[in-house]
Structures are given as structure tokens and as C-alpha cells.
């Protein structure tokens, strides 16, 4: 909704500010650090233990799924029940799948997760792996958003907290106290509250319609600009093609004129 309300913010992506080569390599470094933390932390913790490879594989599987979903949760802007179900449901589904696979007789990891989960070290590893892997990302993300927030982040914060202020202001207009006692009268009058609420909804719809009209005008202007640029490019290319063929024909005629013998007197 932030980009729909402020379509000019799309310019950051068009100018390569939202994603570029620098951000790509930073993401690669962050991914490498998360992989190292997820692999070597349980390996060092269980280095001198008698745990087998199947139990360690179960720990790696659960830790990676938890790490990936918490990583995604850090980038979620608006939480809904679908988001909660997708993220936390993925973690629960992974636990169930590991339990089902380890409950199959004849496999090397038969009941491995059950014996491993009976130790406190297993749960400390599941807690420590995401924390250790995501600390650099969490620190850098909050530092950048606090000291170097871009326009998109500022617009999202303004939209988020501006909405709360708008509803707060609506409540103050409906029941805010004043010296003449009008506010107290409106606070206890349900009809006045309904009128104020309907007025607020009407204002919201009007703002939404104006926003749609502004977006439509901006989109039309952008389309006209793109069409004009495309026409200019076509005309320029056609002029260059005509100039090229004209030069080629003139050079060919000059060569033929030089090759022809002079007329005999």
C-alpha cells in the first residue's frame, strides 16, 4: 500500500538504489555467515560427544528451517494470520516430518530425534543457531534503518503511525473535551459518534479516490513520456540508417568515377 499511495517511490528501484551490486555482495556475505554458523556451531558443540551423524543431521535440518523462517519474519512488514500460519506452520511441519521419518523402523536414524531431544544441549543449539546466525543482519538492519532510512522506509513508518494518529484525532474530534462541555456531550451521545465515524469514513473514501485519480494521471504521463522517448529513438535510428546508406552510395559512386577512364580528345 505504501508504494501504491506514493508511486514516486518506485524511482528508487528504477535508479538501482533498492538493489544493486553492493547490496548483492552484502547479501552473499550474510548468507555465507549464516551457513557457517548453522553448520559449525552444532559441530563444535557435539565434537567430543558420541552423537551419530543421523542425530546431527536432524539438528541441522530443524535449525536451518527455523533460521530461514525467522530470517523471513524479519522482513515482514504487515503480519496477518496467513503470514503466521506460513512461517510458524513451516517450523511445526518440519518437526512433524522429522519425527515421522525417525519413527520408521529399519532406518539409520530410528528414534534419533527422540533421544536427542531429551538433552538440554539440543534445545540450546536450536536457540543459539538462529541467534548467532542472525545477529549481524539484525544489528546492520536496525542501524541502517535508524541512521540511514530511505524514502520507502520513511513512507512506511509515516503511513503506519500516521494511521494511528488519524484514528486518535478522530476520537478527539468526537469526544475531545473543551471548555464549553461540548466534548462531554458528544462523548455520551451515540448518534454523534456514529455521525463522526461516517464522516471519517467518507473522508477516507474521498482521499482514496483522489489518490487513485492522481495515480492514474501519473501513469498516463509516464506512458506518454515513454511513447515519446520510443518515437524519438525510432526516428533517430531511422535517420542514422538513412545517413549510413547515403554515405555508402556516395562512396560507391566516387569509386566508380575514379575507376572510369578519362574521355579521349
C-alpha atoms as a PDB file:
ATOM      1  CA  UNK A   1       0.000   0.000   0.000  1.00  0.00           C
ATOM      2  CA  UNK A   2       2.895   2.384   0.642  1.00  0.00           C
ATOM      3  CA  UNK A   3       4.126   2.220  -2.960  1.00  0.00           C
ATOM      4  CA  UNK A   4       0.568   2.453  -4.290  1.00  0.00           C
ATOM      5  CA  UNK A   5      -0.056   5.550  -2.221  1.00  0.00           C
ATOM      6  CA  UNK A   6       3.281   7.121  -3.174  1.00  0.00           C
ATOM      7  CA  UNK A   7       4.111   5.810  -6.682  1.00  0.00           C
ATOM      8  CA  UNK A   8       7.129   8.098  -6.977  1.00  0.00           C
ATOM      9  CA  UNK A   9       8.925   5.756  -4.566  1.00  0.00           C
ATOM     10  CA  UNK A  10       9.246   3.301  -7.472  1.00  0.00           C
ATOM     11  CA  UNK A  11      12.000   5.602  -8.729  1.00  0.00           C
ATOM     12  CA  UNK A  12      14.409   4.152  -6.160  1.00  0.00           C
ATOM     13  CA  UNK A  13      14.188   0.759  -7.829  1.00  0.00           C
ATOM     14  CA  UNK A  14      14.451   2.221 -11.316  1.00  0.00           C
ATOM     15  CA  UNK A  15      17.594   4.119 -10.320  1.00  0.00           C
ATOM     16  CA  UNK A  16      19.155   0.980  -8.823  1.00  0.00           C
ATOM     17  CA  UNK A  17      19.071   2.258  -5.242  1.00  0.00           C
ATOM     18  CA  UNK A  18      16.936  -0.535  -3.759  1.00  0.00           C
ATOM     19  CA  UNK A  19      19.019  -3.371  -5.222  1.00  0.00           C
ATOM     20  CA  UNK A  20      22.470  -3.085  -6.733  1.00  0.00           C
ATOM     21  CA  UNK A  21      25.809  -4.897  -6.868  1.00  0.00           C
ATOM     22  CA  UNK A  22      26.854  -3.651  -3.418  1.00  0.00           C
ATOM     23  CA  UNK A  23      23.698  -4.983  -1.784  1.00  0.00           C
ATOM     24  CA  UNK A  24      24.111  -8.253  -3.679  1.00  0.00           C
ATOM     25  CA  UNK A  25      27.580  -8.904  -2.253  1.00  0.00           C
ATOM     26  CA  UNK A  26      26.447  -7.850   1.229  1.00  0.00           C
ATOM     27  CA  UNK A  27      23.626 -10.387   0.958  1.00  0.00           C
ATOM     28  CA  UNK A  28      26.083 -13.050  -0.192  1.00  0.00           C
ATOM     29  CA  UNK A  29      28.337 -12.334   2.807  1.00  0.00           C
ATOM     30  CA  UNK A  30      25.366 -12.505   5.159  1.00  0.00           C
ATOM     31  CA  UNK A  31      24.261 -15.804   3.601  1.00  0.00           C
ATOM     32  CA  UNK A  32      27.771 -17.225   3.949  1.00  0.00           C
ATOM     33  CA  UNK A  33      27.904 -16.234   7.623  1.00  0.00           C
ATOM     34  CA  UNK A  34      24.511 -17.840   8.305  1.00  0.00           C
ATOM     35  CA  UNK A  35      25.633 -21.056   6.613  1.00  0.00           C
ATOM     36  CA  UNK A  36      28.860 -21.170   8.618  1.00  0.00           C
ATOM     37  CA  UNK A  37      27.031 -20.525  11.895  1.00  0.00           C
ATOM     38  CA  UNK A  38      24.357 -23.133  11.189  1.00  0.00           C
ATOM     39  CA  UNK A  39      26.922 -25.803  10.264  1.00  0.00           C
ATOM     40  CA  UNK A  40      29.844 -25.304  12.621  1.00  0.00           C
ATOM     41  CA  UNK A  41      28.051 -24.317  15.839  1.00  0.00           C
ATOM     42  CA  UNK A  42      26.424 -27.728  16.457  1.00  0.00           C
ATOM     43  CA  UNK A  43      29.524 -29.437  15.071  1.00  0.00           C
ATOM     44  CA  UNK A  44      31.751 -27.797  17.679  1.00  0.00           C
ATOM     45  CA  UNK A  45      29.205 -28.314  20.471  1.00  0.00           C
ATOM     46  CA  UNK A  46      28.947 -32.079  19.819  1.00  0.00           C
ATOM     47  CA  UNK A  47      32.587 -32.539  18.756  1.00  0.00           C
ATOM     48  CA  UNK A  48      33.588 -34.644  21.767  1.00  0.00           C
ATOM     49  CA  UNK A  49      30.234 -36.399  22.183  1.00  0.00           C
ATOM     50  CA  UNK A  50      29.090 -39.802  20.991  1.00  0.00           C
ATOM     51  CA  UNK A  51      26.257 -38.437  18.865  1.00  0.00           C
ATOM     52  CA  UNK A  52      25.917 -40.074  15.463  1.00  0.00           C
ATOM     53  CA  UNK A  53      25.602 -38.370  12.084  1.00  0.00           C
ATOM     54  CA  UNK A  54      21.847 -39.027  11.846  1.00  0.00           C
ATOM     55  CA  UNK A  55      21.108 -37.161  15.052  1.00  0.00           C
ATOM     56  CA  UNK A  56      23.324 -34.294  13.988  1.00  0.00           C
ATOM     57  CA  UNK A  57      21.562 -34.200  10.610  1.00  0.00           C
ATOM     58  CA  UNK A  58      18.199 -33.885  12.367  1.00  0.00           C
ATOM     59  CA  UNK A  59      19.539 -30.972  14.370  1.00  0.00           C
ATOM     60  CA  UNK A  60      20.878 -29.287  11.225  1.00  0.00           C
ATOM     61  CA  UNK A  61      17.554 -29.759   9.423  1.00  0.00           C
ATOM     62  CA  UNK A  62      15.490 -28.211  12.205  1.00  0.00           C
ATOM     63  CA  UNK A  63      17.979 -25.401  12.792  1.00  0.00           C
ATOM     64  CA  UNK A  64      18.078 -24.421   9.111  1.00  0.00           C
ATOM     65  CA  UNK A  65      14.271 -24.335   8.813  1.00  0.00           C
ATOM     66  CA  UNK A  66      13.970 -22.217  11.969  1.00  0.00           C
ATOM     67  CA  UNK A  67      16.740 -19.921  10.735  1.00  0.00           C
ATOM     68  CA  UNK A  68      15.184 -19.409   7.294  1.00  0.00           C
ATOM     69  CA  UNK A  69      11.713 -18.681   8.684  1.00  0.00           C
ATOM     70  CA  UNK A  70      12.994 -16.207  11.285  1.00  0.00           C
ATOM     71  CA  UNK A  71      15.007 -14.566   8.517  1.00  0.00           C
ATOM     72  CA  UNK A  72      11.797 -14.161   6.521  1.00  0.00           C
ATOM     73  CA  UNK A  73       9.939 -12.920   9.600  1.00  0.00           C
ATOM     74  CA  UNK A  74      12.455 -10.091   9.985  1.00  0.00           C
ATOM     75  CA  UNK A  75      11.408  -8.731   6.574  1.00  0.00           C
ATOM     76  CA  UNK A  76       7.647  -8.993   7.089  1.00  0.00           C
ATOM     77  CA  UNK A  77       6.041  -5.544   7.143  1.00  0.00           C
ATOM     78  CA  UNK A  78       2.433  -6.412   7.958  1.00  0.00           C
ATOM     79  CA  UNK A  79       1.569  -9.560   9.876  1.00  0.00           C
ATOM     80  CA  UNK A  80      -1.643 -11.425   9.112  1.00  0.00           C
ATOM     81  CA  UNK A  81      -2.907 -14.841  10.101  1.00  0.00           C
ATOM     82  CA  UNK A  82      -1.716 -16.162   6.744  1.00  0.00           C
ATOM     83  CA  UNK A  83       1.810 -14.936   7.452  1.00  0.00           C
ATOM     84  CA  UNK A  84       1.803 -16.506  10.913  1.00  0.00           C
ATOM     85  CA  UNK A  85       0.460 -19.782   9.532  1.00  0.00           C
ATOM     86  CA  UNK A  86       3.071 -19.891   6.755  1.00  0.00           C
ATOM     87  CA  UNK A  87       6.092 -19.120   8.945  1.00  0.00           C
ATOM     88  CA  UNK A  88       5.326 -20.930  12.190  1.00  0.00           C
ATOM     89  CA  UNK A  89       3.430 -23.676  10.374  1.00  0.00           C
ATOM     90  CA  UNK A  90       6.543 -24.455   8.320  1.00  0.00           C
ATOM     91  CA  UNK A  91       8.543 -24.955  11.511  1.00  0.00           C
ATOM     92  CA  UNK A  92       5.858 -27.193  13.045  1.00  0.00           C
ATOM     93  CA  UNK A  93       5.554 -29.198   9.827  1.00  0.00           C
ATOM     94  CA  UNK A  94       9.318 -29.777   9.782  1.00  0.00           C
ATOM     95  CA  UNK A  95       9.282 -31.092  13.352  1.00  0.00           C
ATOM     96  CA  UNK A  96       6.433 -33.462  12.455  1.00  0.00           C
ATOM     97  CA  UNK A  97       8.202 -34.708   9.316  1.00  0.00           C
ATOM     98  CA  UNK A  98      11.427 -35.381  11.217  1.00  0.00           C
ATOM     99  CA  UNK A  99       9.501 -37.285  13.891  1.00  0.00           C
ATOM    100  CA  UNK A 100       7.656 -39.363  11.290  1.00  0.00           C
ATOM    101  CA  UNK A 101      10.834 -40.210   9.367  1.00  0.00           C
ATOM    102  CA  UNK A 102      12.734 -41.149  12.529  1.00  0.00           C
ATOM    103  CA  UNK A 103       9.830 -43.370  13.621  1.00  0.00           C
ATOM    104  CA  UNK A 104      10.270 -45.670  10.607  1.00  0.00           C
ATOM    105  CA  UNK A 105      11.967 -48.918  11.711  1.00  0.00           C
ATOM    106  CA  UNK A 106      14.992 -50.045   9.759  1.00  0.00           C
ATOM    107  CA  UNK A 107      16.399 -46.588   9.052  1.00  0.00           C
ATOM    108  CA  UNK A 108      19.722 -45.450  10.439  1.00  0.00           C
ATOM    109  CA  UNK A 109      18.118 -42.518  12.261  1.00  0.00           C
ATOM    110  CA  UNK A 110      15.457 -44.590  14.004  1.00  0.00           C
ATOM    111  CA  UNK A 111      14.254 -42.576  17.030  1.00  0.00           C
ATOM    112  CA  UNK A 112      17.338 -40.353  16.758  1.00  0.00           C
ATOM    113  CA  UNK A 113      15.402 -37.139  17.247  1.00  0.00           C
ATOM    114  CA  UNK A 114      13.635 -38.566  20.325  1.00  0.00           C
ATOM    115  CA  UNK A 115      16.880 -39.428  22.092  1.00  0.00           C
ATOM    116  CA  UNK A 116      18.465 -36.131  21.028  1.00  0.00           C
ATOM    117  CA  UNK A 117      15.534 -34.021  22.237  1.00  0.00           C
ATOM    118  CA  UNK A 118      15.825 -35.474  25.729  1.00  0.00           C
ATOM    119  CA  UNK A 119      19.016 -33.452  26.302  1.00  0.00           C
ATOM    120  CA  UNK A 120      19.054 -29.749  27.081  1.00  0.00           C
ATOM    121  CA  UNK A 121      22.010 -29.183  24.762  1.00  0.00           C
ATOM    122  CA  UNK A 122      19.791 -29.901  21.750  1.00  0.00           C
ATOM    123  CA  UNK A 123      17.359 -27.114  22.651  1.00  0.00           C
ATOM    124  CA  UNK A 124      20.179 -24.704  23.441  1.00  0.00           C
ATOM    125  CA  UNK A 125      21.570 -25.355  19.974  1.00  0.00           C
ATOM    126  CA  UNK A 126      18.184 -24.709  18.355  1.00  0.00           C
ATOM    127  CA  UNK A 127      18.047 -21.410  20.228  1.00  0.00           C
ATOM    128  CA  UNK A 128      21.678 -20.414  19.715  1.00  0.00           C
ATOM    129  CA  UNK A 129      21.981 -21.161  15.993  1.00  0.00           C
ATOM    130  CA  UNK A 130      19.357 -18.607  14.819  1.00  0.00           C
ATOM    131  CA  UNK A 131      20.609 -16.018  17.303  1.00  0.00           C
ATOM    132  CA  UNK A 132      24.245 -16.405  16.302  1.00  0.00           C
ATOM    133  CA  UNK A 133      23.444 -16.508  12.592  1.00  0.00           C
ATOM    134  CA  UNK A 134      21.087 -13.519  12.572  1.00  0.00           C
ATOM    135  CA  UNK A 135      22.847 -11.142  14.983  1.00  0.00           C
ATOM    136  CA  UNK A 136      24.916  -9.420  12.221  1.00  0.00           C
ATOM    137  CA  UNK A 137      21.861  -8.993  10.000  1.00  0.00           C
ATOM    138  CA  UNK A 138      19.731  -7.723  12.892  1.00  0.00           C
ATOM    139  CA  UNK A 139      22.347  -5.180  14.003  1.00  0.00           C
ATOM    140  CA  UNK A 140      23.091  -3.886  10.490  1.00  0.00           C
ATOM    141  CA  UNK A 141      19.406  -3.775   9.524  1.00  0.00           C
ATOM    142  CA  UNK A 142      18.403  -1.727  12.574  1.00  0.00           C
ATOM    143  CA  UNK A 143      21.447   0.543  12.299  1.00  0.00           C
ATOM    144  CA  UNK A 144      20.743   1.320   8.643  1.00  0.00           C
ATOM    145  CA  UNK A 145      17.024   1.844   9.204  1.00  0.00           C
ATOM    146  CA  UNK A 146      17.666   4.146  12.169  1.00  0.00           C
ATOM    147  CA  UNK A 147      20.541   6.258  10.835  1.00  0.00           C
ATOM    148  CA  UNK A 148      20.128   5.936   7.056  1.00  0.00           C
ATOM    149  CA  UNK A 149      16.484   5.187   6.353  1.00  0.00           C
ATOM    150  CA  UNK A 150      15.451   5.538   2.724  1.00  0.00           C
ATOM    151  CA  UNK A 151      12.296   7.207   1.466  1.00  0.00           C
ATOM    152  CA  UNK A 152      10.387   3.930   1.292  1.00  0.00           C
ATOM    153  CA  UNK A 153      11.098   3.169   4.951  1.00  0.00           C
ATOM    154  CA  UNK A 154      10.142   6.707   5.960  1.00  0.00           C
ATOM    155  CA  UNK A 155       6.888   6.489   3.998  1.00  0.00           C
ATOM    156  CA  UNK A 156       6.038   3.144   5.597  1.00  0.00           C
ATOM    157  CA  UNK A 157       6.666   4.487   9.083  1.00  0.00           C
ATOM    158  CA  UNK A 158       4.633   7.615   8.337  1.00  0.00           C
ATOM    159  CA  UNK A 159       1.779   5.536   6.939  1.00  0.00           C
ATOM    160  CA  UNK A 160       1.877   3.129   9.871  1.00  0.00           C
ATOM    161  CA  UNK A 161       1.988   5.654  12.707  1.00  0.00           C
ATOM    162  CA  UNK A 162       0.043   8.280  10.789  1.00  0.00           C
ATOM    163  CA  UNK A 163      -2.908   5.904  10.714  1.00  0.00           C
ATOM    164  CA  UNK A 164      -2.873   5.634  14.499  1.00  0.00           C
ATOM    165  CA  UNK A 165      -2.715   9.387  14.825  1.00  0.00           C
ATOM    166  CA  UNK A 166      -5.606   9.715  12.409  1.00  0.00           C
ATOM    167  CA  UNK A 167      -7.830   7.439  14.455  1.00  0.00           C
ATOM    168  CA  UNK A 168      -6.678   9.154  17.615  1.00  0.00           C
ATOM    169  CA  UNK A 169      -7.544  12.528  16.120  1.00  0.00           C
ATOM    170  CA  UNK A 170     -10.931  11.177  15.082  1.00  0.00           C
ATOM    171  CA  UNK A 171     -11.630  10.149  18.636  1.00  0.00           C
ATOM    172  CA  UNK A 172     -10.599  13.569  19.900  1.00  0.00           C
ATOM    173  CA  UNK A 173     -12.895  15.302  17.458  1.00  0.00           C
ATOM    174  CA  UNK A 174     -15.758  13.068  18.548  1.00  0.00           C
ATOM    175  CA  UNK A 175     -15.179  13.175  22.295  1.00  0.00           C
ATOM    176  CA  UNK A 176     -12.402  15.614  22.945  1.00  0.00           C
ATOM    177  CA  UNK A 177     -13.023  17.860  25.900  1.00  0.00           C
ATOM    178  CA  UNK A 178     -13.381  21.586  25.548  1.00  0.00           C
ATOM    179  CA  UNK A 179     -14.216  24.327  27.962  1.00  0.00           C
ATOM    180  CA  UNK A 180     -17.851  24.643  26.987  1.00  0.00           C
ATOM    181  CA  UNK A 181     -18.710  20.990  27.678  1.00  0.00           C
ATOM    182  CA  UNK A 182     -19.489  20.112  24.047  1.00  0.00           C
ATOM    183  CA  UNK A 183     -16.923  17.335  24.091  1.00  0.00           C
ATOM    184  CA  UNK A 184     -18.521  15.669  27.091  1.00  0.00           C
ATOM    185  CA  UNK A 185     -21.890  15.841  25.411  1.00  0.00           C
ATOM    186  CA  UNK A 186     -20.599  14.181  22.240  1.00  0.00           C
ATOM    187  CA  UNK A 187     -18.799  11.527  24.214  1.00  0.00           C
ATOM    188  CA  UNK A 188     -22.047  10.296  25.694  1.00  0.00           C
ATOM    189  CA  UNK A 189     -24.120  10.759  22.534  1.00  0.00           C
ATOM    190  CA  UNK A 190     -24.017   7.595  20.353  1.00  0.00           C
ATOM    191  CA  UNK A 191     -25.680   9.395  17.426  1.00  0.00           C
ATOM    192  CA  UNK A 192     -22.891  11.971  17.374  1.00  0.00           C
ATOM    193  CA  UNK A 193     -20.280   9.230  17.463  1.00  0.00           C
ATOM    194  CA  UNK A 194     -21.935   7.465  14.505  1.00  0.00           C
ATOM    195  CA  UNK A 195     -22.036  10.744  12.567  1.00  0.00           C
ATOM    196  CA  UNK A 196     -18.363  11.402  13.277  1.00  0.00           C
ATOM    197  CA  UNK A 197     -17.452   7.845  12.259  1.00  0.00           C
ATOM    198  CA  UNK A 198     -19.421   8.088   8.994  1.00  0.00           C
ATOM    199  CA  UNK A 199     -17.788  11.437   8.275  1.00  0.00           C
ATOM    200  CA  UNK A 200     -14.357   9.913   8.866  1.00  0.00           C
ATOM    201  CA  UNK A 201     -15.162   7.014   6.509  1.00  0.00           C
ATOM    202  CA  UNK A 202     -16.371   9.464   3.869  1.00  0.00           C
ATOM    203  CA  UNK A 203     -13.186  11.489   4.163  1.00  0.00           C
ATOM    204  CA  UNK A 204     -11.173   8.304   3.846  1.00  0.00           C
ATOM    205  CA  UNK A 205     -13.016   7.272   0.680  1.00  0.00           C
ATOM    206  CA  UNK A 206     -12.521  10.741  -0.777  1.00  0.00           C
ATOM    207  CA  UNK A 207      -8.789  10.585  -0.091  1.00  0.00           C
ATOM    208  CA  UNK A 208      -8.658   7.135  -1.658  1.00  0.00           C
ATOM    209  CA  UNK A 209     -10.434   8.330  -4.802  1.00  0.00           C
ATOM    210  CA  UNK A 210      -8.157  11.359  -5.096  1.00  0.00           C
ATOM    211  CA  UNK A 211      -5.171   9.072  -4.692  1.00  0.00           C
ATOM    212  CA  UNK A 212      -6.488   6.820  -7.488  1.00  0.00           C
ATOM    213  CA  UNK A 213      -7.000   9.811  -9.767  1.00  0.00           C
ATOM    214  CA  UNK A 214      -3.501  11.106  -9.039  1.00  0.00           C
ATOM    215  CA  UNK A 215      -2.026   7.672  -9.719  1.00  0.00           C
ATOM    216  CA  UNK A 216      -3.955   7.405 -12.997  1.00  0.00           C
ATOM    217  CA  UNK A 217      -2.698  10.809 -14.133  1.00  0.00           C
ATOM    218  CA  UNK A 218       0.880   9.933 -13.221  1.00  0.00           C
ATOM    219  CA  UNK A 219       0.648   6.598 -15.038  1.00  0.00           C
ATOM    220  CA  UNK A 220      -0.739   8.309 -18.144  1.00  0.00           C
ATOM    221  CA  UNK A 221       2.031  10.899 -18.005  1.00  0.00           C
ATOM    222  CA  UNK A 222       4.648   8.171 -17.677  1.00  0.00           C
ATOM    223  CA  UNK A 223       3.140   6.290 -20.627  1.00  0.00           C
ATOM    224  CA  UNK A 224       3.174   9.419 -22.774  1.00  0.00           C
ATOM    225  CA  UNK A 225       6.791  10.099 -21.850  1.00  0.00           C
ATOM    226  CA  UNK A 226       7.762   6.529 -22.688  1.00  0.00           C
ATOM    227  CA  UNK A 227       5.935   6.701 -26.030  1.00  0.00           C
ATOM    228  CA  UNK A 228       7.632   9.991 -26.899  1.00  0.00           C
ATOM    229  CA  UNK A 229      11.037   8.573 -25.992  1.00  0.00           C
ATOM    230  CA  UNK A 230      10.325   5.465 -28.047  1.00  0.00           C
ATOM    231  CA  UNK A 231       9.314   7.570 -31.037  1.00  0.00           C
ATOM    232  CA  UNK A 232      12.450   9.691 -30.662  1.00  0.00           C
ATOM    233  CA  UNK A 233      14.600   6.553 -30.569  1.00  0.00           C
ATOM    234  CA  UNK A 234      12.913   5.195 -33.701  1.00  0.00           C
ATOM    235  CA  UNK A 235      13.337   8.472 -35.584  1.00  0.00           C
ATOM    236  CA  UNK A 236      16.956   8.736 -34.551  1.00  0.00           C
ATOM    237  CA  UNK A 237      17.661   5.163 -35.623  1.00  0.00           C
ATOM    238  CA  UNK A 238      15.941   5.741 -38.970  1.00  0.00           C
ATOM    239  CA  UNK A 239      17.986   8.898 -39.548  1.00  0.00           C
ATOM    240  CA  UNK A 240      21.178   7.028 -38.823  1.00  0.00           C
ATOM    241  CA  UNK A 241      20.181   4.223 -41.203  1.00  0.00           C
ATOM    242  CA  UNK A 242      19.413   6.738 -43.987  1.00  0.00           C
ATOM    243  CA  UNK A 243      22.721   8.535 -43.362  1.00  0.00           C
ATOM    244  CA  UNK A 244      24.588   5.236 -43.461  1.00  0.00           C
ATOM    245  CA  UNK A 245      23.071   4.184 -46.785  1.00  0.00           C
ATOM    246  CA  UNK A 246      23.566   7.682 -48.209  1.00  0.00           C
ATOM    247  CA  UNK A 247      27.236   7.645 -47.307  1.00  0.00           C
ATOM    248  CA  UNK A 248      27.628   4.134 -48.717  1.00  0.00           C
ATOM    249  CA  UNK A 249      26.017   5.123 -52.029  1.00  0.00           C
ATOM    250  CA  UNK A 250      28.077   8.318 -52.343  1.00  0.00           C
ATOM    251  CA  UNK A 251      31.311   6.424 -51.650  1.00  0.00           C
ATOM    252  CA  UNK A 252      30.363   3.821 -54.230  1.00  0.00           C
ATOM    253  CA  UNK A 253      29.689   6.487 -56.857  1.00  0.00           C
ATOM    254  CA  UNK A 254      33.008   8.205 -56.109  1.00  0.00           C
ATOM    255  CA  UNK A 255      34.865   4.934 -56.528  1.00  0.00           C
ATOM    256  CA  UNK A 256      33.176   4.271 -59.868  1.00  0.00           C
ATOM    257  CA  UNK A 257      34.002   7.814 -61.038  1.00  0.00           C
ATOM    258  CA  UNK A 258      37.664   7.298 -60.188  1.00  0.00           C
ATOM    259  CA  UNK A 259      37.824   3.950 -61.969  1.00  0.00           C
ATOM    260  CA  UNK A 260      36.290   5.278 -65.250  1.00  0.00           C
ATOM    261  CA  UNK A 261      38.952   6.330 -67.824  1.00  0.00           C
ATOM    262  CA  UNK A 262      39.008   9.941 -68.929  1.00  0.00           C
ATOM    263  CA  UNK A 263      37.317  10.659 -72.325  1.00  0.00           C
ATOM    264  CA  UNK A 264      39.627  10.724 -75.383  1.00  0.00           C
ATOM    265  CA  UNK A 265      40.086  14.072 -77.041  1.00  0.00           C
END
